[in-house]
Amino acid sequence: MGSDHWMRPGERFTVVADDTSSPVDEAFEVVVFGEGISVWVSGANAAAVFDADGNEAECGHQRPIEALRAWTENARLAMEHVADKSPQVRALTRQNYEHMHQMLLAAEVEEDRP
């Protein structure tokens, strides 16, 4: 399972892995690309991300609304591509779209607040 955390220039996060399922030489694999950084956790069940003040940053931390709009539209389009798939795939795709749509609606309400 993954999560996304959006950073501003100069901002710092700490990634902490939970219990590792097996010993590994490298706890993380870091990939830097364009304007992004991906951190892959190796050998752990999960990881948490903390800001510079030690507060846990939840999934979607500072996610730009433009990204959420694009992801919601992609989730809607995905529903068209699974019309001929199993009922489980169609249900999961619809659930994903509905979840993305609800997050977008909440973000738009926040954006409109003074």
Protein backbone atom coordinates (compact mmCIF):
# COMPACT_ATOMS: atom_id res chain seq x y z
CA MET A 1 0.00 0.00 0.00
CA GLY A 2 1.30 3.43 -0.82
CA SER A 3 0.63 6.99 0.21
CA ASP A 4 1.47 10.39 -1.17
CA HIS A 5 2.91 13.35 0.72
CA TRP A 6 3.52 16.64 -1.04
CA MET A 7 6.47 18.76 0.03
CA ARG A 8 7.15 22.43 -0.45
CA PRO A 9 10.68 23.58 -1.37
CA GLY A 10 12.93 23.40 1.70
CA GLU A 11 10.49 21.23 3.62
CA ARG A 12 11.72 18.06 5.35
CA PHE A 13 10.01 14.78 6.14
CA THR A 14 11.22 11.71 8.01
CA VAL A 15 10.11 8.25 6.89
CA VAL A 16 10.05 5.61 9.64
CA ALA A 17 9.45 1.92 8.90
CA ASP A 18 7.60 -0.26 11.38
CA ASP A 19 8.68 -3.78 12.31
CA THR A 20 10.60 -5.30 9.46
CA SER A 21 9.38 -8.69 8.37
CA SER A 22 12.92 -9.77 7.57
CA PRO A 23 16.35 -8.16 7.91
CA VAL A 24 17.41 -6.10 4.91
CA ASP A 25 20.61 -4.30 4.00
CA GLU A 26 18.77 -1.20 2.82
CA ALA A 27 15.59 -0.17 4.66
CA PHE A 28 14.56 2.22 1.88
CA GLU A 29 15.06 2.66 -1.83
CA VAL A 30 14.93 6.31 -2.90
CA VAL A 31 14.27 7.36 -6.49
CA VAL A 32 14.62 11.02 -7.48
CA PHE A 33 12.96 12.12 -10.72
CA GLY A 34 11.98 15.48 -12.20
CA GLU A 35 10.17 17.26 -9.41
CA GLY A 36 9.48 14.15 -7.35
CA ILE A 37 11.00 11.69 -4.95
CA SER A 38 9.70 8.16 -4.37
CA VAL A 39 10.64 6.28 -1.23
CA TRP A 40 10.10 2.51 -1.32
CA VAL A 41 10.13 0.71 2.01
CA SER A 42 11.91 -2.67 1.91
CA GLY A 43 11.10 -5.51 4.29
CA ALA A 44 8.61 -3.62 6.47
CA ASN A 45 4.87 -3.99 6.83
CA ALA A 46 4.27 -0.24 6.75
CA ALA A 47 5.93 3.12 7.24
CA ALA A 48 4.93 6.49 8.66
CA VAL A 49 5.91 9.95 7.47
CA PHE A 50 6.61 12.79 9.91
CA ASP A 51 7.09 16.51 9.31
CA ALA A 52 9.95 18.57 10.73
CA ASP A 53 7.97 19.18 13.95
CA GLY A 54 7.48 15.43 14.50
CA ASN A 55 3.80 15.42 13.51
CA GLU A 56 2.63 12.48 11.43
CA ALA A 57 1.76 13.56 7.90
CA GLU A 58 -1.30 11.70 6.67
CA CYS A 59 -1.70 10.36 3.14
CA GLY A 60 -2.48 13.28 0.83
CA HIS A 61 -0.56 15.79 2.97
CA GLN A 62 -0.59 19.09 1.01
CA ARG A 63 -1.80 17.33 -2.15
CA PRO A 64 -2.55 20.02 -4.76
CA ILE A 65 -6.21 20.15 -5.75
CA GLU A 66 -5.15 20.00 -9.43
CA ALA A 67 -3.63 16.55 -8.81
CA LEU A 68 -6.79 15.42 -7.04
CA ARG A 69 -8.94 16.64 -9.93
CA ALA A 70 -6.78 14.75 -12.44
CA TRP A 71 -6.75 11.56 -10.35
CA THR A 72 -10.53 11.71 -9.91
CA GLU A 73 -11.03 12.08 -13.65
CA ASN A 74 -8.66 9.16 -14.28
CA ALA A 75 -10.62 7.05 -11.79
CA ARG A 76 -13.84 7.96 -13.62
CA LEU A 77 -12.30 6.98 -16.96
CA ALA A 78 -11.07 3.70 -15.46
CA MET A 79 -14.68 2.73 -14.79
CA GLU A 80 -15.33 2.84 -18.56
CA HIS A 81 -12.41 0.49 -19.19
CA VAL A 82 -13.60 -2.21 -16.79
CA ALA A 83 -17.16 -2.50 -18.05
CA ASP A 84 -16.38 -5.98 -19.41
CA LYS A 85 -14.47 -7.15 -16.32
CA SER A 86 -15.66 -9.18 -13.35
CA PRO A 87 -18.20 -7.74 -10.90
CA GLN A 88 -15.45 -7.51 -8.25
CA VAL A 89 -13.18 -5.45 -10.52
CA ARG A 90 -16.08 -3.18 -11.47
CA ALA A 91 -17.03 -2.73 -7.80
CA LEU A 92 -13.46 -1.95 -6.72
CA THR A 93 -13.04 0.52 -9.59
CA ARG A 94 -16.31 2.24 -8.66
CA GLN A 95 -15.31 2.36 -4.96
CA ASN A 96 -11.99 3.94 -5.92
CA TYR A 97 -13.75 6.56 -8.04
CA GLU A 98 -16.28 7.33 -5.30
CA HIS A 99 -13.48 7.67 -2.72
CA MET A 100 -11.51 10.01 -5.01
CA HIS A 101 -14.66 12.02 -5.78
CA GLN A 102 -15.45 12.46 -2.07
CA MET A 103 -11.89 13.62 -1.38
CA LEU A 104 -12.16 16.10 -4.27
CA LEU A 105 -15.48 17.47 -3.00
CA ALA A 106 -13.99 17.95 0.49
CA ALA A 107 -10.91 19.67 -0.96
CA GLU A 108 -13.08 22.00 -3.03
CA VAL A 109 -15.07 22.98 0.07
CA GLU A 110 -11.76 23.72 1.87
CA GLU A 111 -10.51 25.72 -1.11
CA ASP A 112 -13.64 27.90 -1.05
CA ARG A 113 -13.30 28.75 2.64
CA PRO A 114 -11.97 32.24 3.42
